[in-house]
Protein backbone atom coordinates (compact mmCIF):
# COMPACT_ATOMS: atom_id res chain seq x y z
CA MET A 1 -3.81 57.50 -38.05
CA VAL A 2 -3.42 59.67 -34.96
CA PHE A 3 -6.78 58.67 -33.66
CA ASN A 4 -6.09 54.93 -34.16
CA PHE A 5 -2.71 55.27 -32.39
CA LEU A 6 -4.31 57.07 -29.42
CA LYS A 7 -7.07 54.52 -29.27
CA GLY A 8 -4.48 51.71 -29.16
CA GLN A 9 -3.00 53.20 -25.97
CA PHE A 10 -6.12 52.25 -24.04
CA ILE A 11 -7.44 48.77 -23.06
CA ASP A 12 -11.17 48.28 -23.23
CA VAL A 13 -11.36 44.42 -23.11
CA ILE A 14 -9.69 42.37 -20.35
CA GLU A 15 -9.88 38.51 -20.51
CA TRP A 16 -7.74 35.34 -20.34
CA LEU A 17 -8.27 32.32 -22.58
CA ASP A 18 -6.34 29.61 -20.69
CA ASP A 19 -4.83 27.05 -23.16
CA SER A 20 -2.43 25.55 -20.66
CA ARG A 21 -2.79 22.72 -18.17
CA ASP A 22 -0.51 23.93 -15.41
CA THR A 23 -0.76 27.71 -15.15
CA LEU A 24 -1.96 28.94 -11.75
CA VAL A 25 -1.50 32.71 -12.35
CA TRP A 26 -1.22 34.73 -15.58
CA ARG A 27 -0.62 38.51 -15.75
CA PHE A 28 -2.74 40.33 -18.36
CA GLU A 29 -0.22 41.83 -20.73
CA ARG A 30 -0.69 45.59 -20.93
CA TYR A 31 2.44 46.62 -22.77
CA GLY A 32 2.28 49.98 -21.03
CA ASN A 33 -1.25 50.63 -22.01
CA ASN A 34 -3.85 52.32 -19.70
CA ILE A 35 -7.18 50.68 -18.80
CA MET A 36 -10.23 52.70 -19.93
CA MET A 37 -12.83 53.42 -17.33
CA GLY A 38 -15.89 51.41 -18.43
CA ALA A 39 -13.65 48.64 -19.98
CA LYS A 40 -15.22 45.13 -20.24
CA LEU A 41 -13.76 42.51 -17.86
CA THR A 42 -14.57 38.85 -18.58
CA VAL A 43 -13.77 36.32 -15.86
CA ARG A 44 -14.63 32.72 -16.83
CA GLU A 45 -15.61 29.85 -14.53
CA GLY A 46 -12.54 28.59 -12.69
CA GLN A 47 -10.88 31.99 -12.79
CA ALA A 48 -10.51 35.10 -10.56
CA ALA A 49 -9.18 38.47 -11.63
CA VAL A 50 -7.00 40.30 -9.14
CA PHE A 51 -6.17 44.06 -9.58
CA ILE A 52 -2.86 45.26 -8.19
CA HIS A 53 -2.37 49.09 -7.96
CA GLU A 54 1.15 50.30 -7.28
CA GLY A 55 2.07 47.08 -5.55
CA GLN A 56 -1.02 47.02 -3.36
CA LEU A 57 -3.77 44.39 -3.60
CA ALA A 58 -6.97 46.08 -4.83
CA ASP A 59 -10.21 44.56 -6.05
CA ILE A 60 -10.84 40.84 -6.82
CA PHE A 61 -13.50 39.68 -9.30
CA GLY A 62 -15.02 36.24 -9.54
CA PRO A 63 -16.61 34.64 -12.60
CA GLY A 64 -18.84 37.03 -14.65
CA LEU A 65 -18.92 39.96 -17.10
CA TYR A 66 -18.08 43.37 -15.64
CA GLU A 67 -17.96 46.96 -16.81
CA LEU A 68 -15.26 48.58 -14.76
CA GLN A 69 -16.71 51.59 -12.89
CA THR A 70 -15.89 53.26 -9.61
CA ASN A 71 -19.04 51.55 -8.06
CA ASN A 72 -17.68 48.01 -8.57
CA MET A 73 -14.05 48.81 -7.72
CA PRO A 74 -14.24 50.12 -4.16
CA LEU A 75 -10.69 49.34 -3.22
CA MET A 76 -9.29 50.82 -6.38
CA THR A 77 -11.46 53.96 -5.88
CA ALA A 78 -10.07 54.32 -2.37
CA LEU A 79 -6.46 53.91 -3.42
CA GLN A 80 -6.85 56.28 -6.31
CA HIS A 81 -8.89 58.79 -4.32
CA TRP A 82 -11.72 58.79 -6.76
CA SER A 83 -14.09 60.21 -4.19
CA HIS A 84 -16.24 62.22 -6.71
CA GLY A 85 -16.21 59.79 -9.62
CA PHE A 86 -13.61 59.16 -12.33
CA ASN A 87 -13.90 58.59 -16.10
CA SER A 88 -10.35 58.87 -17.30
CA PRO A 89 -8.00 55.95 -18.04
CA PHE A 90 -6.08 54.44 -15.14
CA LYS A 91 -3.13 52.19 -14.65
CA SER A 92 -3.37 48.79 -12.85
CA GLU A 93 -1.88 45.38 -13.13
CA VAL A 94 -4.43 42.63 -13.68
CA TYR A 95 -3.61 39.02 -12.72
CA PHE A 96 -5.82 36.10 -13.64
CA VAL A 97 -5.80 33.32 -10.99
CA ASN A 98 -6.78 29.76 -12.02
CA THR A 99 -9.10 28.43 -9.23
CA ARG A 100 -9.87 25.04 -10.80
CA ARG A 101 -8.61 21.83 -9.30
CA PHE A 102 -5.05 20.66 -10.14
CA SER A 103 -4.89 16.87 -9.54
CA GLY A 104 -2.40 14.09 -10.12
CA LEU A 105 0.40 15.79 -8.23
CA LYS A 106 2.90 13.44 -6.66
CA TRP A 107 4.65 13.36 -3.27
CA GLY A 108 7.05 10.83 -1.67
CA THR A 109 9.48 10.52 1.15
CA GLN A 110 13.05 11.06 -0.12
CA ASN A 111 14.53 9.58 3.10
CA PRO A 112 13.04 6.77 5.25
CA ILE A 113 10.82 7.62 8.12
CA MET A 114 12.12 6.37 11.46
CA LEU A 115 9.51 5.06 13.89
CA ARG A 116 9.03 2.66 16.71
CA ASP A 117 6.84 -0.18 15.56
CA PRO A 118 4.81 -1.97 18.26
CA GLU A 119 5.72 -5.42 16.73
CA PHE A 120 9.16 -5.08 15.09
CA GLY A 121 10.68 -2.31 17.28
CA ALA A 122 12.77 0.40 15.55
CA LEU A 123 11.80 0.48 11.84
CA ARG A 124 12.33 2.54 8.73
CA LEU A 125 9.46 3.11 6.28
CA ARG A 126 8.96 4.82 2.93
CA ALA A 127 5.72 6.23 1.65
CA PHE A 128 4.41 7.98 -1.45
CA GLY A 129 1.16 9.04 -2.94
CA SER A 130 -0.70 11.89 -4.78
CA TYR A 131 -2.67 14.99 -3.99
CA ALA A 132 -4.81 17.69 -5.60
CA ILE A 133 -4.91 21.44 -4.87
CA ARG A 134 -6.84 24.50 -5.82
CA VAL A 135 -6.61 28.19 -5.05
CA SER A 136 -9.11 28.94 -2.27
CA ASP A 137 -8.22 32.65 -1.58
CA PRO A 138 -6.78 34.38 -4.71
CA GLY A 139 -5.74 37.52 -2.73
CA THR A 140 -3.80 35.62 -0.02
CA PHE A 141 -2.25 33.40 -2.79
CA MET A 142 -1.01 36.46 -4.66
CA LYS A 143 0.43 38.15 -1.55
CA GLU A 144 2.08 35.06 0.09
CA ILE A 145 3.23 32.96 -2.94
CA VAL A 146 3.07 34.66 -6.37
CA GLY A 147 4.22 38.23 -5.79
CA THR A 148 4.85 39.77 -9.23
CA ASP A 149 5.39 36.55 -11.17
CA GLY A 150 3.46 37.04 -14.39
CA ASP A 151 3.43 33.31 -15.42
CA PHE A 152 3.18 31.20 -12.26
CA THR A 153 2.87 27.47 -12.92
CA GLN A 154 2.00 24.65 -10.47
CA ASP A 155 5.55 23.26 -10.36
CA LYS A 156 6.72 26.47 -8.64
CA VAL A 157 4.57 25.67 -5.64
CA SER A 158 4.29 21.91 -5.73
CA GLY A 159 7.81 21.48 -4.20
CA GLN A 160 6.87 23.52 -1.16
CA ILE A 161 3.57 21.68 -0.73
CA ARG A 162 5.34 18.31 -1.15
CA ASN A 163 7.69 19.24 1.70
CA ILE A 164 4.82 20.11 3.94
CA ILE A 165 3.01 16.80 3.16
CA VAL A 166 6.11 14.70 3.79
CA GLN A 167 6.72 16.38 7.08
CA LYS A 168 3.23 15.78 8.22
CA VAL A 169 3.18 12.19 6.89
CA SER A 170 6.35 11.47 8.89
CA ARG A 171 4.86 12.73 12.09
CA VAL A 172 1.50 10.94 11.56
CA LEU A 173 3.10 7.57 10.74
CA ALA A 174 5.55 7.78 13.55
CA GLY A 175 2.93 8.78 16.13
CA SER A 176 0.01 6.58 14.84
CA GLY A 177 0.94 3.48 16.81
CA VAL A 178 -0.42 1.40 13.93
CA PRO A 179 1.83 -1.71 13.27
CA ALA A 180 3.59 -1.63 9.93
CA LEU A 181 1.75 -4.81 8.83
CA ASP A 182 -1.60 -3.05 9.34
CA MET A 183 -0.86 0.29 7.74
CA ALA A 184 -1.97 -0.85 4.34
CA ALA A 185 -5.43 -1.41 5.71
CA ASN A 186 -5.51 2.08 7.29
CA THR A 187 -4.18 4.31 4.45
CA LYS A 188 -7.50 6.13 4.07
CA GLU A 189 -7.62 7.04 7.78
CA LEU A 190 -3.98 8.09 7.74
CA SER A 191 -4.49 10.18 4.62
CA ASP A 192 -7.43 12.06 6.18
CA ILE A 193 -5.37 12.80 9.27
CA VAL A 194 -2.50 14.12 7.06
CA ARG A 195 -4.83 16.33 4.99
CA GLN A 196 -6.57 17.80 8.03
CA GLY A 197 -3.14 18.40 9.69
CA ILE A 198 -1.80 20.46 6.74
CA ASP A 199 -5.05 22.53 6.20
CA PRO A 200 -4.00 25.33 8.57
CA THR A 201 -0.71 25.82 6.74
CA MET A 202 -2.39 25.68 3.29
CA ASP A 203 -4.91 28.31 4.51
CA GLU A 204 -2.02 30.69 5.09
CA TYR A 205 -0.98 30.30 1.51
CA GLY A 206 -4.52 30.72 0.13
CA LEU A 207 -4.55 27.09 -1.05
CA ASP A 208 -6.69 24.04 -0.33
CA VAL A 209 -5.56 20.45 -0.59
CA VAL A 210 -8.81 18.95 -1.75
CA GLU A 211 -7.49 15.39 -2.08
CA LEU A 212 -4.51 13.51 -0.54
CA TYR A 213 -3.76 9.82 -0.87
CA ILE A 214 -1.16 7.60 0.72
CA GLU A 215 -0.84 5.00 -2.12
CA ASN A 216 1.96 2.84 -0.74
CA ILE A 217 3.98 2.24 2.50
CA SER A 218 7.01 0.04 2.06
CA LEU A 219 9.67 -1.60 4.25
CA PRO A 220 13.37 -1.62 3.43
CA PRO A 221 14.39 -4.60 1.23
CA GLU A 222 16.37 -6.35 4.06
CA VAL A 223 13.39 -6.13 6.39
CA GLU A 224 11.04 -7.46 3.67
CA LYS A 225 13.40 -10.46 3.29
CA VAL A 226 13.27 -11.32 6.99
CA LEU A 227 9.54 -10.86 6.95
CA ASP A 228 9.21 -13.28 4.07
CA GLN A 229 11.21 -15.79 6.08
CA ARG A 230 8.95 -15.34 9.07
CA THR A 231 5.91 -15.76 6.85
CA SER A 232 7.31 -19.01 5.50
CA MET A 233 7.73 -20.32 9.05
CA GLY A 234 4.13 -19.37 9.80
CA ILE A 235 2.90 -21.34 6.78
CA VAL A 236 4.81 -24.44 7.95
CA GLY A 237 2.78 -24.31 11.20
CA ASP A 238 2.88 -27.57 13.30
CA LEU A 239 6.32 -29.15 12.71
CA ASN A 240 5.02 -32.72 13.48
CA LYS A 241 2.27 -32.48 10.92
CA PHE A 242 4.65 -30.93 8.42
CA THR A 243 7.23 -33.74 8.81
CA GLN A 244 4.51 -36.39 8.48
CA PHE A 245 3.28 -34.75 5.27
CA SER A 246 6.82 -34.56 3.91
CA ALA A 247 7.48 -38.22 4.79
CA ALA A 248 4.25 -39.30 3.06
CA GLN A 249 5.15 -37.34 -0.05
CA ALA A 250 8.69 -38.82 -0.12
CA MET A 251 7.31 -42.38 0.17
CA GLN A 252 4.79 -41.74 -2.55
CA ASN A 253 7.41 -40.31 -4.92
CA ALA A 254 9.92 -43.16 -4.18
CA ALA A 255 7.28 -45.79 -4.70
CA SER A 256 6.28 -44.20 -8.05
CA ALA A 257 9.94 -44.01 -9.21
CA SER A 258 11.08 -47.44 -8.10
CA GLY A 259 7.96 -49.54 -8.70
CA ASP A 260 5.67 -51.39 -6.45
CA ASN A 261 8.25 -53.43 -4.60
CA ALA A 262 9.98 -53.65 -1.25
CA MET A 263 13.04 -51.70 -2.33
CA GLY A 264 10.96 -48.78 -3.50
CA ALA A 265 8.94 -48.77 -0.24
CA GLY A 266 12.08 -48.98 1.86
CA LEU A 267 13.70 -46.11 -0.02
CA GLY A 268 10.64 -43.97 0.43
CA MET A 269 10.46 -44.75 4.13
CA GLY A 270 14.09 -43.86 4.55
CA MET A 271 13.79 -40.60 2.70
CA GLY A 272 10.69 -39.63 4.74
CA MET A 273 12.28 -40.47 8.01
CA GLY A 274 15.53 -38.67 7.06
CA MET A 275 13.60 -35.53 6.15
CA ALA A 276 11.65 -35.62 9.43
CA GLN A 277 14.84 -36.00 11.50
CA SER A 278 16.51 -33.13 9.60
CA MET A 279 13.63 -30.79 10.18
CA ALA A 280 13.35 -31.75 13.86
CA GLN A 281 17.10 -31.24 14.35
CA ALA A 282 16.99 -27.88 12.58
CA MET A 283 14.12 -26.66 14.80
CA GLY A 284 15.82 -28.05 17.88
CA GLY A 285 19.02 -26.08 17.01
CA MET A 286 16.98 -22.87 16.52
CA ASN A 287 15.27 -23.40 19.93
CA GLN A 288 18.67 -24.05 21.56
CA GLN A 289 20.07 -20.80 20.13
CA GLN A 290 17.04 -18.85 21.42
CA GLN A 291 17.49 -20.10 25.00
CA PRO A 292 19.68 -17.97 27.28
CA ALA A 293 23.18 -19.14 27.92
CA GLN A 294 23.61 -21.11 31.15
CA THR A 295 26.65 -21.56 33.34
CA GLY A 296 28.65 -24.75 33.15
CA ALA A 297 28.82 -27.27 30.36
CA ALA A 298 25.72 -27.26 28.10
CA ALA A 299 23.81 -30.57 28.01
CA PRO A 300 23.39 -32.16 24.60
CA PRO A 301 19.98 -31.58 23.05
CA PRO A 302 17.46 -34.44 23.59
CA PRO A 303 16.74 -36.59 20.54
CA PRO A 304 13.75 -35.51 18.50
CA PRO A 305 10.47 -37.27 19.33
CA PRO A 306 9.33 -39.90 16.82
CA PRO A 307 6.52 -38.73 14.47
CA ALA A 308 3.10 -39.53 15.63
CA GLU A 309 1.72 -42.71 14.00
CA THR A 310 -1.33 -42.41 11.75
CA ALA A 311 -4.42 -44.08 13.09
CA TRP A 312 -6.57 -45.99 10.54
CA HIS A 313 -10.25 -46.95 10.80
CA LEU A 314 -11.74 -49.89 8.82
CA ALA A 315 -15.26 -50.28 7.47
CA GLU A 316 -16.42 -53.92 7.37
CA ASN A 317 -20.02 -55.18 7.07
CA GLY A 318 -21.46 -51.81 7.83
CA GLN A 319 -19.42 -51.37 11.02
CA THR A 320 -16.31 -49.32 11.86
CA LYS A 321 -13.28 -51.01 13.45
CA GLY A 322 -10.12 -49.45 14.82
CA PRO A 323 -8.16 -47.43 15.12
CA PHE A 324 -5.21 -49.49 13.96
CA GLY A 325 -1.57 -48.61 13.47
CA ALA A 326 0.59 -49.57 10.45
CA ALA A 327 2.10 -52.48 12.38
CA GLN A 328 -1.30 -53.91 13.25
CA LEU A 329 -2.46 -53.64 9.73
CA ALA A 330 0.58 -55.47 8.36
CA GLN A 331 -0.16 -58.28 10.84
CA MET A 332 -3.76 -58.39 9.68
CA ILE A 333 -2.60 -58.71 6.05
CA SER A 334 -0.79 -61.91 6.87
CA GLN A 335 -3.91 -63.11 8.58
CA GLY A 336 -6.16 -62.21 5.74
CA GLY A 337 -8.16 -59.67 7.69
CA PHE A 338 -6.97 -56.69 5.73
CA THR A 339 -6.79 -56.48 1.88
CA ARG A 340 -6.36 -53.84 -0.80
CA GLU A 341 -10.17 -53.70 -1.16
CA THR A 342 -10.77 -52.89 2.51
CA LEU A 343 -12.20 -49.40 3.02
CA VAL A 344 -10.03 -47.20 5.27
CA TRP A 345 -10.27 -43.71 6.76
CA THR A 346 -7.99 -41.41 8.79
CA ALA A 347 -8.19 -37.86 10.06
CA GLY A 348 -7.81 -35.36 7.24
CA GLN A 349 -8.81 -37.88 4.55
CA ASP A 350 -11.66 -37.02 2.16
CA GLY A 351 -14.09 -39.88 2.78
CA TRP A 352 -13.44 -43.62 2.73
CA GLN A 353 -10.95 -45.11 0.24
CA LYS A 354 -9.68 -48.54 -0.61
CA ALA A 355 -6.45 -49.40 1.14
CA GLY A 356 -4.77 -50.20 -2.13
CA ASP A 357 -5.39 -46.64 -3.36
CA VAL A 358 -3.76 -44.93 -0.35
CA PRO A 359 -0.01 -44.56 -1.02
CA GLU A 360 0.90 -44.83 2.65
CA LEU A 361 -0.84 -48.22 2.94
CA ALA A 362 -0.17 -49.56 -0.55
CA GLN A 363 3.44 -50.21 0.33
CA LEU A 364 2.34 -52.57 3.15
CA PHE A 365 1.06 -55.06 0.63
CA SER A 366 4.37 -55.24 -1.21
CA VAL A 367 6.41 -56.01 1.93
CA SER A 368 3.98 -58.32 3.74
CA PRO A 369 3.60 -61.99 2.66
CA PRO A 370 0.14 -63.02 1.37
CA PRO A 371 -2.18 -64.99 3.78
CA PRO A 372 -1.27 -68.63 4.12
CA PRO A 373 -3.18 -71.20 2.10
CA PRO A 374 -6.03 -73.01 3.84
CA ALA A 375 -5.05 -76.07 5.84
CA GLY A 376 -5.72 -79.56 4.32
């Protein structure tokens, strides 16, 4: 009984079986016991064992199986003054440091980043992403971050790292000169700049940021709304072509709804022209607002120009005729020189089509009288 009790006061096996997913440092629980000289120390892959003697950093062991002796503990031997060998038990705190990679950690800007965009001027951006860390220098990490914490998890240091990343991201985005619309195409380059920029600070903590990703850069909602409007105007493009297209669509829809008659064609033409005039007036008003104010009474805006007339080419007996306007084609109908079977083509049309199959020309046959009967 006495022998077993005395034997229990000494530690002869030191190891750590990590069953957690977030522990960076774990202190070997001694419960006041002494470590036997010649004790077995097991350090597994992804671990490092750090010995602390009376608050001072002593020896550090990498992965492997060790028998603790004075010859493999030089710093401990110097601190304990074991100049002529030592075989008795000794006291020391043992910390196991997890050196594997900890990935999937998140960072994000709590407040918007203010910058001067080359295209939009003063702008606010938000950014977020992920990163991965590992302990590169167990001794430095113990001295600078952990101290005497016997159960140090990643969440105790992730907040500090996140602040360092956000600070560097803010400086990189603000000083990059990359337009906001092009940042999504440059996230890898920006991420590399941020990671390289924080490496010196991480080295001071004994840490290494092995991965860092900028996953998203977003604009404020009100700026996104204005950008969507600007994109819509870019899609519209040439106003004249857009009004012509709108007028053609209106005529086609009206003809389909009202039947193949003069009233349907007239209604479609009226709707198309009304839409064209409304769009032209709206754009004219926007241009007038963008011009600088002039002294004296402002002159009324000029009337919008009429939409350009579509030019049609005819195929007859293997030859091409034209171009002809709608008025000329209507006159040719009354003279019998233009029928529904006549093949026509205009710019933007996919190949030759029969005139009666083209909505813009089909209405001409409903409003024009048929050719006169032959004389006699």
